[in-house]
Amino acid sequence: MIPKPPFASSLTLEEEVAAFRRLQPTLARLWQPLTVGLDEPHTSVVVPSMTLDQRELLKLEGAGHYEERFLFLLIRLRNPRARVVYVTSQPVHPVILEYYLQMLAGVPASHARGRLTMLCAHDASPRSLTEKILERPRLIERIRCAIPDRERAYLTVFAGTPLERKLAVLLGIPLNGCDPDLRDLGTKSGSRKVFRAAGIDHPAGFEDLTSADDVSRALVELRRQRPGIRKAVVKLNESFSGEGNAIFRYPADPDAGATAAGLESLRFVAPDESVGPYFDKLGSMGGIVEEFIEAPVVRSPSAQLRSGPAGDVIPISTHDQILGGESGQVFLGCRFPADASYRERVMEAALRIGRVLADRGVVSRFGIDFLAWRGADLGPWQLAALEINLRMGGTTHPFLALRFLSDGALADDGTFRSQSGRVLCYRATDNLHSPRYRGLLPEDLIDIVTVNRLHYSDRTESGVLFHLIGALSQHGKLGLTAIGADQGEADRLYQRTLDVLEIETRYR
């Protein structure tokens, strides 16, 4: 029997951690029904909090609306005995909610709606949602009251931090996410250590750097190890989407070293970044320096997996990431699945890394980014692991969208097959952005999509599903997943969507 949750003020840190440890075994009892899709009763409490370094999060326009990305987790409501409690900072527009519920295959929208509880903090401040919830004891009590059986409930989060651990303890339910004590394994420095433990190739470099002097020394030593190197990349440990990266170009003179003064020439991926604030953040969170691998043909595949309470590692998907920005470091979107010429190798390497994480106690969804490259002769692909994201990332929700719509599964060859047996592919983005989109209401988007027949069709098993709809009016920003029978059809649907939006907003 799970004890009644304590009040926050009654717990020391040691008591909180002990209570968390007592709750986590409950997740193991729920794990099999969750992963194999059994119609067992349970409650999923979804808190899509972007609990990341807030200085880095401020670089992401419309970050508050990223809480909507995980509305695809309403897929849980396909189980007629499941309940979902979904908490946000600001209310979700009713049209957005209806948009998702109407496309929940095989379940009447009214039936799903009756098992869904939407709650919000009514707080638009630029802080993490979990922090806002912890400030509101009455909201915590409302979440508790929406859980009929705490022995059959769990907390799903974007990332596991001490804040999410505290919330799990106050709710009296286990955390379906990485133990905060293990989150260092998912930093840039921690990733390199895990790659070494798994025996996976990764770029030459150095980790656990905390100062400009550390970076300078690392750059000098890297050139000594790699005499022909032209570029290196500096990465903040807890940055995301490439926004915490900086490119260093070595002087042409091979005898010239990288000095502290030379760091003034760093080219930051984030346009508003500068040397002083950047190294302040490096001092507080740490970072790495590693070789910037250059080749005539370069790709950025990734793999998504999840590890369970029993130490099992489950492959979920592979993607080819679409990167942009001046240095090609910014995550813009992805294609599923990854190219067949290296897809199997990517997943094999990811599973080896995943087993190391599972052996160390990680229970979480996670993604692993790789670099694939080859020469102008188009010889064999070379592969190196770049980083681990112990959280839901930019490639998590598009795959959830695919499952949400088609109720299919990953095949042995890394492709996705719907229940009808069709192979489905997609192209997705979080960064469809135009000043002309500003002022479009959710109702306007639904009108445009309906008139132009862009909706996903169960008959053809193709079409477009949108997300980040709440960011459209204020920020002119939108996300989408374009699904087709092959990558060509997915790309055509993606481009047609852009063309339709261009036409529909041309007079703005």
Protein backbone atom coordinates (compact mmCIF):
# COMPACT_ATOMS: atom_id res chain seq x y z
CA MET A 1 0.00 0.00 0.00
CA ILE A 2 1.39 3.40 -1.01
CA PRO A 3 1.46 5.80 1.95
CA LYS A 4 -0.30 9.13 1.84
CA PRO A 5 1.94 11.76 0.16
CA PRO A 6 3.67 14.11 2.61
CA PHE A 7 3.63 17.88 2.50
CA ALA A 8 6.68 19.52 0.95
CA SER A 9 7.62 21.39 4.10
CA SER A 10 7.71 18.16 6.12
CA LEU A 11 10.53 16.56 4.12
CA THR A 12 14.29 16.86 4.29
CA LEU A 13 16.22 16.06 1.12
CA GLU A 14 17.23 12.69 2.56
CA GLU A 15 13.60 11.85 3.39
CA GLU A 16 12.48 12.94 -0.07
CA VAL A 17 15.05 10.69 -1.77
CA ALA A 18 14.09 7.78 0.49
CA ALA A 19 10.39 8.27 -0.31
CA PHE A 20 11.22 8.41 -4.02
CA ARG A 21 13.10 5.11 -3.77
CA ARG A 22 10.09 3.50 -2.08
CA LEU A 23 7.75 4.64 -4.86
CA GLN A 24 9.78 3.56 -7.88
CA PRO A 25 9.12 -0.23 -7.61
CA THR A 26 5.46 0.54 -8.37
CA LEU A 27 6.50 1.42 -11.90
CA ALA A 28 7.85 -2.09 -12.45
CA ARG A 29 4.39 -3.54 -11.77
CA LEU A 30 2.87 -1.23 -14.40
CA TRP A 31 5.61 -1.60 -16.97
CA GLN A 32 4.46 -4.68 -18.89
CA PRO A 33 0.85 -3.52 -19.40
CA LEU A 34 2.20 -0.15 -20.58
CA THR A 35 4.76 -1.49 -23.04
CA VAL A 36 2.71 -4.31 -24.60
CA GLY A 37 -0.53 -2.32 -24.81
CA LEU A 38 -2.74 -4.33 -22.46
CA ASP A 39 -6.05 -2.70 -21.55
CA GLU A 40 -5.20 -2.47 -17.86
CA PRO A 41 -6.54 0.46 -15.81
CA HIS A 42 -3.92 3.10 -15.03
CA THR A 43 -3.50 6.87 -14.79
CA SER A 44 -0.76 8.76 -16.60
CA VAL A 45 -0.02 12.16 -15.05
CA VAL A 46 1.71 14.16 -17.79
CA VAL A 47 3.77 17.18 -16.73
CA PRO A 48 5.55 18.33 -19.93
CA SER A 49 7.83 20.73 -18.10
CA MET A 50 10.87 22.05 -19.97
CA THR A 51 12.98 21.76 -16.83
CA LEU A 52 16.24 22.80 -18.43
CA ASP A 53 18.72 25.59 -17.87
CA GLN A 54 16.45 28.62 -18.22
CA ARG A 55 19.21 30.76 -19.74
CA GLU A 56 19.42 28.27 -22.60
CA LEU A 57 15.63 27.91 -22.82
CA LEU A 58 15.22 31.65 -23.39
CA LYS A 59 16.89 31.14 -26.79
CA LEU A 60 13.89 29.07 -27.90
CA GLU A 61 11.08 31.26 -29.22
CA GLY A 62 7.64 30.22 -27.97
CA ALA A 63 9.21 27.83 -25.43
CA GLY A 64 6.09 27.96 -23.22
CA HIS A 65 4.04 26.29 -25.95
CA TYR A 66 6.41 23.34 -26.17
CA GLU A 67 4.32 21.87 -23.36
CA GLU A 68 1.74 21.09 -26.09
CA ARG A 69 4.15 18.79 -27.96
CA PHE A 70 3.27 15.88 -25.72
CA LEU A 71 -0.45 15.98 -26.37
CA PHE A 72 0.44 12.97 -28.51
CA LEU A 73 0.63 11.12 -25.18
CA LEU A 74 -3.16 11.17 -25.32
CA ILE A 75 -2.51 7.93 -27.20
CA ARG A 76 -2.83 6.38 -23.73
CA LEU A 77 -6.57 7.05 -23.98
CA ARG A 78 -6.82 4.45 -26.73
CA ASN A 79 -6.94 2.05 -23.78
CA PRO A 80 -10.62 2.41 -22.72
CA ARG A 81 -9.67 1.88 -19.06
CA ALA A 82 -6.85 4.44 -18.98
CA ARG A 83 -6.98 7.99 -17.63
CA VAL A 84 -4.70 10.92 -18.37
CA VAL A 85 -4.10 14.00 -16.21
CA TYR A 86 -2.36 16.65 -18.34
CA VAL A 87 -0.96 19.75 -16.65
CA THR A 88 0.21 22.92 -18.42
CA SER A 89 1.32 26.45 -17.52
CA GLN A 90 -1.51 28.06 -19.49
CA PRO A 91 -4.84 26.61 -20.64
CA VAL A 92 -4.80 24.62 -23.87
CA HIS A 93 -7.20 26.09 -26.43
CA PRO A 94 -10.33 23.87 -26.67
CA VAL A 95 -9.98 23.68 -30.47
CA ILE A 96 -6.45 22.26 -30.09
CA LEU A 97 -7.64 19.62 -27.66
CA GLU A 98 -10.57 18.66 -29.86
CA TYR A 99 -8.21 18.43 -32.85
CA TYR A 100 -6.23 15.66 -31.15
CA LEU A 101 -9.15 13.79 -29.61
CA GLN A 102 -10.99 13.56 -32.93
CA MET A 103 -8.01 11.77 -34.50
CA LEU A 104 -7.60 9.21 -31.73
CA ALA A 105 -8.20 6.12 -33.85
CA GLY A 106 -10.81 3.66 -32.64
CA VAL A 107 -12.09 5.67 -29.66
CA PRO A 108 -15.07 8.09 -29.61
CA ALA A 109 -13.77 11.56 -28.77
CA SER A 110 -16.42 11.97 -26.04
CA HIS A 111 -15.31 8.73 -24.37
CA ALA A 112 -11.66 9.79 -24.41
CA ARG A 113 -12.58 13.29 -23.19
CA GLY A 114 -14.37 11.82 -20.18
CA ARG A 115 -11.15 10.12 -19.07
CA LEU A 116 -8.98 13.20 -19.53
CA THR A 117 -8.37 15.83 -16.86
CA MET A 118 -6.75 19.09 -18.03
CA LEU A 119 -5.24 21.30 -15.32
CA CYS A 120 -3.05 24.38 -15.50
CA ALA A 121 -1.07 26.76 -13.29
CA HIS A 122 -2.29 29.93 -15.07
CA ASP A 123 1.29 31.17 -15.02
CA ALA A 124 3.02 32.34 -18.21
CA SER A 125 6.31 33.31 -16.52
CA PRO A 126 9.49 31.94 -18.20
CA ARG A 127 10.12 29.21 -15.63
CA SER A 128 9.69 25.46 -15.67
CA LEU A 129 6.16 24.11 -15.27
CA THR A 130 7.22 21.79 -12.45
CA GLU A 131 8.51 24.76 -10.46
CA LYS A 132 5.14 26.49 -10.90
CA ILE A 133 3.23 23.40 -9.76
CA LEU A 134 5.39 23.02 -6.65
CA GLU A 135 4.49 26.59 -5.69
CA ARG A 136 0.78 25.72 -5.75
CA PRO A 137 -0.26 23.18 -3.07
CA ARG A 138 -3.90 23.37 -4.13
CA LEU A 139 -2.97 22.46 -7.71
CA ILE A 140 -1.01 19.50 -6.39
CA GLU A 141 -4.11 18.46 -4.46
CA ARG A 142 -6.24 18.75 -7.62
CA ILE A 143 -3.81 16.45 -9.44
CA ARG A 144 -4.00 13.96 -6.56
CA CYS A 145 -7.80 14.03 -6.62
CA ALA A 146 -7.78 13.21 -10.35
CA ILE A 147 -5.89 9.95 -9.68
CA PRO A 148 -8.39 7.20 -8.71
CA ASP A 149 -5.72 4.66 -7.71
CA ARG A 150 -2.16 5.76 -6.91
CA GLU A 151 -0.93 2.17 -7.10
CA ARG A 152 -1.80 2.26 -10.80
CA ALA A 153 -0.48 5.71 -11.64
CA TYR A 154 2.81 7.22 -12.73
CA LEU A 155 4.28 10.63 -13.55
CA THR A 156 5.51 11.24 -17.12
CA VAL A 157 7.86 14.19 -17.62
CA PHE A 158 10.05 15.76 -20.29
CA ALA A 159 13.18 15.29 -18.18
CA GLY A 160 13.90 13.99 -14.68
CA THR A 161 15.38 16.59 -12.33
CA PRO A 162 15.17 17.07 -8.54
CA LEU A 163 12.03 19.15 -9.13
CA GLU A 164 10.28 16.24 -10.85
CA ARG A 165 11.44 13.90 -8.08
CA LYS A 166 9.89 16.20 -5.47
CA LEU A 167 6.62 16.36 -7.41
CA ALA A 168 6.48 12.55 -7.74
CA VAL A 169 6.90 12.21 -3.97
CA LEU A 170 4.23 14.82 -3.22
CA LEU A 171 1.81 13.06 -5.57
CA GLY A 172 2.72 9.66 -4.15
CA ILE A 173 3.35 8.06 -7.56
CA PRO A 174 6.52 6.80 -9.31
CA LEU A 175 8.41 8.82 -11.88
CA ASN A 176 8.36 7.39 -15.40
CA GLY A 177 11.66 9.04 -16.29
CA CYS A 178 15.32 9.14 -15.44
CA ASP A 179 16.31 9.21 -11.78
CA PRO A 180 17.68 12.74 -11.19
CA ASP A 181 20.75 11.24 -9.53
CA LEU A 182 21.68 9.75 -12.92
CA ARG A 183 21.09 12.81 -15.11
CA ASP A 184 24.83 13.53 -15.44
CA LEU A 185 24.97 10.49 -17.72
CA GLY A 186 23.02 12.53 -20.26
CA THR A 187 25.21 15.64 -20.23
CA LYS A 188 27.75 16.21 -22.98
CA SER A 189 30.56 15.16 -20.61
CA GLY A 190 28.63 12.17 -19.29
CA SER A 191 27.79 11.03 -22.82
CA ARG A 192 31.46 10.76 -23.77
CA LYS A 193 32.14 8.62 -20.69
CA VAL A 194 29.23 6.29 -21.50
CA PHE A 195 30.44 5.95 -25.11
CA ARG A 196 33.86 4.87 -23.85
CA ALA A 197 32.26 2.35 -21.48
CA ALA A 198 30.20 0.94 -24.36
CA GLY A 199 33.20 0.81 -26.72
CA ILE A 200 31.54 3.11 -29.27
CA ASP A 201 33.60 5.46 -31.45
CA HIS A 202 33.17 9.17 -30.72
CA PRO A 203 35.09 12.33 -31.71
CA ALA A 204 38.46 13.03 -30.11
CA GLY A 205 38.09 15.55 -27.33
CA PHE A 206 37.93 16.37 -23.62
CA GLU A 207 35.14 16.63 -21.07
CA ASP A 208 34.47 18.14 -17.63
CA LEU A 209 35.78 21.57 -18.65
CA THR A 210 34.72 24.48 -16.43
CA SER A 211 36.70 27.54 -17.52
CA ALA A 212 38.12 29.41 -20.51
CA ASP A 213 41.58 28.17 -19.52
CA ASP A 214 40.31 24.57 -19.57
CA VAL A 215 38.93 25.13 -23.06
CA SER A 216 42.15 26.73 -24.30
CA ARG A 217 44.25 23.86 -23.00
CA ALA A 218 41.87 21.32 -24.50
CA LEU A 219 42.01 23.02 -27.90
CA VAL A 220 45.83 23.02 -27.84
CA GLU A 221 45.99 19.35 -26.86
CA LEU A 222 43.38 18.41 -29.45
CA ARG A 223 45.50 19.93 -32.21
CA ARG A 224 48.52 18.07 -30.90
CA GLN A 225 46.57 14.82 -31.14
CA ARG A 226 45.01 15.70 -34.51
CA PRO A 227 47.67 17.74 -36.38
CA GLY A 228 45.52 18.31 -39.46
CA ILE A 229 42.41 19.45 -37.58
CA ARG A 230 40.75 22.63 -38.87
CA LYS A 231 37.80 23.05 -36.49
CA ALA A 232 36.68 22.09 -33.00
CA VAL A 233 33.35 22.52 -31.27
CA VAL A 234 32.80 23.67 -27.68
CA LYS A 235 29.54 22.43 -26.12
CA LEU A 236 27.80 23.36 -22.88
CA ASN A 237 26.91 20.27 -20.87
CA GLU A 238 23.17 20.96 -20.59
CA SER A 239 22.39 22.74 -23.83
CA PHE A 240 19.98 21.41 -26.46
CA SER A 241 19.15 21.74 -30.17
CA GLY A 242 22.74 22.86 -30.80
CA GLU A 243 22.10 26.27 -29.20
CA GLY A 244 24.88 25.83 -26.62
CA ASN A 245 27.57 25.07 -29.19
CA ALA A 246 30.42 27.27 -30.40
CA ILE A 247 32.78 26.63 -33.31
CA PHE A 248 36.53 27.26 -33.03
CA ARG A 249 38.56 27.52 -36.24
CA TYR A 250 42.26 26.78 -35.80
CA PRO A 251 44.84 29.21 -37.22
CA ALA A 252 46.40 28.17 -40.53
CA ASP A 253 49.86 28.22 -38.88
CA PRO A 254 50.30 24.73 -37.39
CA ASP A 255 52.65 26.13 -34.73
CA ALA A 256 50.05 28.61 -33.42
CA GLY A 257 48.27 27.54 -30.25
CA ALA A 258 44.76 28.23 -29.04
CA THR A 259 45.08 30.89 -26.35
CA ALA A 260 42.52 32.53 -24.13
CA ALA A 261 42.65 35.57 -26.41
CA GLY A 262 41.95 33.29 -29.36
CA LEU A 263 38.65 32.30 -27.78
CA GLU A 264 37.33 35.72 -28.78
CA SER A 265 37.06 34.26 -32.28
CA LEU A 266 34.56 31.57 -31.23
CA ARG A 267 31.51 31.50 -33.49
CA PHE A 268 28.44 30.85 -31.36
CA VAL A 269 25.49 28.94 -32.80
CA ALA A 270 23.00 31.06 -30.81
CA PRO A 271 22.99 34.49 -32.50
CA ASP A 272 22.72 36.50 -29.26
CA GLU A 273 25.49 34.65 -27.41
CA SER A 274 28.80 36.29 -26.42
CA VAL A 275 32.06 35.20 -24.81
CA GLY A 276 31.44 36.44 -21.23
CA PRO A 277 27.98 34.96 -20.62
CA TYR A 278 28.94 31.78 -22.46
CA PHE A 279 31.88 31.04 -20.18
CA ASP A 280 29.81 31.97 -17.13
CA LYS A 281 27.46 29.16 -18.12
CA LEU A 282 30.36 26.84 -18.82
CA GLY A 283 31.60 27.58 -15.30
CA SER A 284 28.28 26.62 -13.74
CA MET A 285 27.32 23.58 -15.85
CA GLY A 286 30.61 22.44 -17.42
CA GLY A 287 31.22 21.46 -21.01
CA ILE A 288 33.37 19.71 -23.57
CA VAL A 289 35.70 20.35 -26.50
CA GLU A 290 35.77 17.86 -29.33
CA GLU A 291 36.84 17.57 -32.93
CA PHE A 292 34.51 18.99 -35.56
CA ILE A 293 34.50 16.19 -38.10
CA GLU A 294 34.43 17.43 -41.70
CA ALA A 295 33.79 15.29 -44.77
CA PRO A 296 32.34 15.67 -48.27
CA VAL A 297 29.18 13.76 -47.25
CA VAL A 298 27.83 14.16 -43.71
CA ARG A 299 24.57 12.98 -42.11
CA SER A 300 23.17 13.29 -38.57
CA PRO A 301 21.26 10.11 -37.66
CA SER A 302 19.80 9.47 -34.23
CA ALA A 303 18.26 6.54 -32.39
CA GLN A 304 15.48 6.53 -29.82
CA LEU A 305 15.16 3.87 -27.14
CA ARG A 306 13.65 3.31 -23.72
CA SER A 307 14.96 1.31 -20.78
CA GLY A 308 12.71 -0.36 -18.25
CA PRO A 309 12.77 -1.11 -14.52
CA ALA A 310 14.02 -4.66 -15.15
CA GLY A 311 17.01 -3.43 -17.15
CA ASP A 312 15.50 -4.17 -20.55
CA VAL A 313 16.33 -1.85 -23.47
CA ILE A 314 13.65 -1.38 -26.14
CA PRO A 315 14.47 0.09 -29.58
CA ILE A 316 11.90 2.68 -30.66
CA SER A 317 13.07 4.38 -33.87
CA THR A 318 15.87 5.89 -35.93
CA HIS A 319 15.85 9.28 -37.65
CA ASP A 320 17.93 11.41 -39.92
CA GLN A 321 18.07 14.80 -38.26
CA ILE A 322 17.70 17.94 -40.37
CA LEU A 323 20.19 20.53 -39.14
CA GLY A 324 20.63 24.17 -40.11
CA GLY A 325 22.20 27.42 -39.01
CA GLU A 326 25.51 28.83 -40.16
CA SER A 327 27.50 25.87 -38.88
CA GLY A 328 24.85 23.20 -39.41
CA GLN A 329 24.45 22.66 -35.66
CA VAL A 330 20.82 23.71 -35.05
CA PHE A 331 18.10 21.03 -34.95
CA LEU A 332 15.35 21.95 -37.42
CA GLY A 333 13.50 18.67 -37.84
CA CYS A 334 13.88 15.04 -38.83
CA ARG A 335 13.00 12.30 -41.30
CA PHE A 336 11.92 8.82 -40.29
CA PRO A 337 13.37 6.27 -40.68
CA ALA A 338 17.11 6.86 -40.97
CA ASP A 339 18.79 5.92 -44.25
CA ALA A 340 18.84 2.15 -44.78
CA SER A 341 22.57 2.20 -45.60
CA TYR A 342 23.46 2.85 -41.93
CA ARG A 343 20.17 2.43 -40.02
CA GLU A 344 21.03 -1.01 -38.64
CA ARG A 345 24.50 0.07 -37.51
CA VAL A 346 23.06 3.12 -35.74
CA MET A 347 20.58 1.01 -33.78
CA GLU A 348 23.20 -1.64 -32.93
CA ALA A 349 25.51 1.04 -31.50
CA ALA A 350 22.60 2.68 -29.69
CA LEU A 351 21.60 -0.61 -28.06
CA ARG A 352 25.15 -1.09 -26.75
CA ILE A 353 25.02 2.41 -25.26
CA GLY A 354 21.52 1.76 -23.92
CA ARG A 355 22.67 -1.36 -22.10
CA VAL A 356 25.36 0.62 -20.31
CA LEU A 357 22.73 3.16 -19.25
CA ALA A 358 20.33 0.43 -18.13
CA ASP A 359 23.08 -1.32 -16.15
CA ARG A 360 23.59 1.97 -14.28
CA GLY A 361 19.90 2.16 -13.40
CA VAL A 362 18.48 4.46 -16.07
CA VAL A 363 14.72 4.04 -16.58
CA SER A 364 13.75 6.51 -19.26
CA ARG A 365 13.05 7.32 -22.87
CA PHE A 366 16.26 8.62 -24.39
CA GLY A 367 17.84 9.55 -27.69
CA ILE A 368 21.39 9.16 -28.96
CA ASP A 369 22.77 11.42 -31.70
CA PHE A 370 25.38 10.18 -34.15
CA LEU A 371 27.44 11.54 -37.02
CA ALA A 372 27.70 9.49 -40.22
CA TRP A 373 30.17 10.52 -42.91
CA ARG A 374 32.05 9.29 -45.97
CA GLY A 375 34.47 10.59 -48.55
CA ALA A 376 33.90 11.89 -52.05
CA ASP A 377 34.46 8.34 -53.37
CA LEU A 378 31.22 7.37 -51.57
CA GLY A 379 32.93 4.54 -49.75
CA PRO A 380 31.61 2.93 -46.53
CA TRP A 381 29.92 5.15 -43.97
CA GLN A 382 31.88 5.94 -40.83
CA LEU A 383 29.93 6.42 -37.61
CA ALA A 384 30.60 8.28 -34.36
CA ALA A 385 28.36 8.87 -31.35
CA LEU A 386 27.91 12.53 -30.35
CA GLU A 387 25.57 12.85 -27.37
CA ILE A 388 22.88 11.25 -25.22
CA ASN A 389 19.62 12.99 -24.35
CA LEU A 390 18.11 11.39 -21.23
CA ARG A 391 14.72 12.95 -21.92
CA MET A 392 12.09 13.29 -24.56
CA GLY A 393 13.66 15.12 -27.47
CA GLY A 394 12.78 16.65 -30.81
CA THR A 395 12.42 13.21 -32.38
CA THR A 396 10.18 11.77 -29.64
CA HIS A 397 6.86 13.43 -30.39
CA PRO A 398 6.83 12.88 -34.20
CA PHE A 399 7.10 9.14 -33.65
CA LEU A 400 4.37 9.36 -31.00
CA ALA A 401 2.30 11.22 -33.61
CA LEU A 402 2.77 8.35 -36.07
CA ARG A 403 1.63 5.81 -33.47
CA PHE A 404 -1.16 8.15 -32.37
CA LEU A 405 -2.63 8.17 -35.87
CA SER A 406 -1.93 4.68 -37.18
CA ASP A 407 -1.63 2.45 -34.09
CA GLY A 408 1.23 0.61 -35.81
CA ALA A 409 4.63 -0.55 -34.62
CA LEU A 410 8.34 -0.63 -35.47
CA ALA A 411 9.30 -3.54 -37.73
CA ASP A 412 12.49 -5.60 -37.47
CA ASP A 413 14.08 -3.70 -40.36
CA GLY A 414 13.64 -0.36 -38.56
CA THR A 415 10.67 0.77 -40.67
CA PHE A 416 7.19 1.44 -39.28
CA ARG A 417 4.17 -0.57 -40.35
CA SER A 418 0.57 0.42 -39.69
CA GLN A 419 -2.02 -2.12 -38.62
CA SER A 420 -2.89 -2.60 -42.29
CA GLY A 421 0.74 -3.57 -42.99
CA ARG A 422 1.65 -0.43 -44.91
CA VAL A 423 5.12 1.05 -44.48
CA LEU A 424 4.87 4.67 -43.30
CA CYS A 425 7.51 7.42 -43.29
CA TYR A 426 7.45 11.06 -42.22
CA ARG A 427 9.16 14.40 -42.20
CA ALA A 428 8.69 16.55 -39.08
CA THR A 429 9.69 19.93 -37.70
CA ASP A 430 9.23 22.17 -34.65
CA ASN A 431 10.50 25.20 -36.54
CA LEU A 432 8.01 26.19 -39.21
CA HIS A 433 8.30 29.90 -38.65
CA SER A 434 7.12 33.02 -40.51
CA PRO A 435 6.07 36.55 -39.48
CA ARG A 436 3.12 36.08 -41.82
CA TYR A 437 1.72 33.32 -39.62
CA ARG A 438 1.37 35.69 -36.66
CA GLY A 439 -2.24 36.41 -35.79
CA LEU A 440 -3.54 33.08 -37.09
CA LEU A 441 -5.82 31.55 -34.47
CA PRO A 442 -6.13 27.80 -33.92
CA GLU A 443 -9.54 27.97 -35.60
CA ASP A 444 -7.92 29.60 -38.65
CA LEU A 445 -5.37 26.80 -38.96
CA ILE A 446 -8.07 24.13 -38.75
CA ASP A 447 -10.05 25.96 -41.45
CA ILE A 448 -6.99 26.12 -43.72
CA VAL A 449 -6.13 22.47 -43.16
CA THR A 450 -9.71 21.31 -43.76
CA VAL A 451 -10.32 23.38 -46.92
CA ASN A 452 -7.02 22.23 -48.42
CA ARG A 453 -7.50 18.59 -47.38
CA LEU A 454 -4.23 18.32 -45.47
CA HIS A 455 -5.69 16.29 -42.59
CA TYR A 456 -4.37 12.78 -42.03
CA SER A 457 -6.64 10.22 -43.69
CA ASP A 458 -7.23 6.77 -42.22
CA ARG A 459 -8.12 5.54 -45.72
CA THR A 460 -4.85 6.57 -47.40
CA GLU A 461 -2.80 6.53 -44.20
CA SER A 462 -1.17 9.79 -45.21
CA GLY A 463 -1.53 13.44 -44.31
CA VAL A 464 -0.33 16.05 -41.84
CA LEU A 465 -0.65 16.38 -38.07
CA PHE A 466 0.18 19.74 -36.48
CA HIS A 467 1.57 20.60 -33.06
CA LEU A 468 2.72 23.80 -31.28
CA ILE A 469 -0.56 25.26 -32.54
CA GLY A 470 -0.74 27.52 -29.49
CA ALA A 471 2.48 29.29 -30.58
CA LEU A 472 1.03 30.27 -33.96
CA SER A 473 -0.81 33.50 -33.18
CA GLN A 474 1.83 35.20 -31.02
CA HIS A 475 5.07 33.78 -32.40
CA GLY A 476 4.18 32.77 -35.97
CA LYS A 477 5.60 29.34 -35.14
CA LEU A 478 4.21 25.89 -35.84
CA GLY A 479 5.24 22.24 -35.83
CA LEU A 480 4.07 19.49 -38.14
CA THR A 481 4.52 15.82 -39.01
CA ALA A 482 3.88 14.93 -42.67
CA ILE A 483 3.22 11.19 -43.10
CA GLY A 484 3.42 9.23 -46.35
CA ALA A 485 4.02 5.76 -47.77
CA ASP A 486 7.64 6.64 -48.55
CA GLN A 487 10.02 9.49 -47.91
CA GLY A 488 9.22 11.08 -51.26
CA GLU A 489 5.52 11.32 -50.44
CA ALA A 490 6.26 12.66 -46.94
CA ASP A 491 8.53 15.36 -48.41
CA ARG A 492 5.89 16.32 -50.99
CA LEU A 493 3.21 16.62 -48.30
CA TYR A 494 5.57 18.71 -46.20
CA GLN A 495 6.27 21.06 -49.10
CA ARG A 496 2.60 21.25 -50.06
CA THR A 497 1.78 22.30 -46.49
CA LEU A 498 4.34 25.12 -46.70
CA ASP A 499 2.92 26.17 -50.06
CA VAL A 500 -0.65 26.21 -48.72
CA LEU A 501 0.32 28.31 -45.70
CA GLU A 502 2.22 30.69 -48.00
CA ILE A 503 -0.85 31.15 -50.20
CA GLU A 504 -3.29 31.47 -47.32
CA THR A 505 -1.20 34.20 -45.63
CA ARG A 506 0.04 36.05 -48.73
CA TYR A 507 -2.10 39.12 -48.02
CA ARG A 508 -0.87 39.50 -44.46
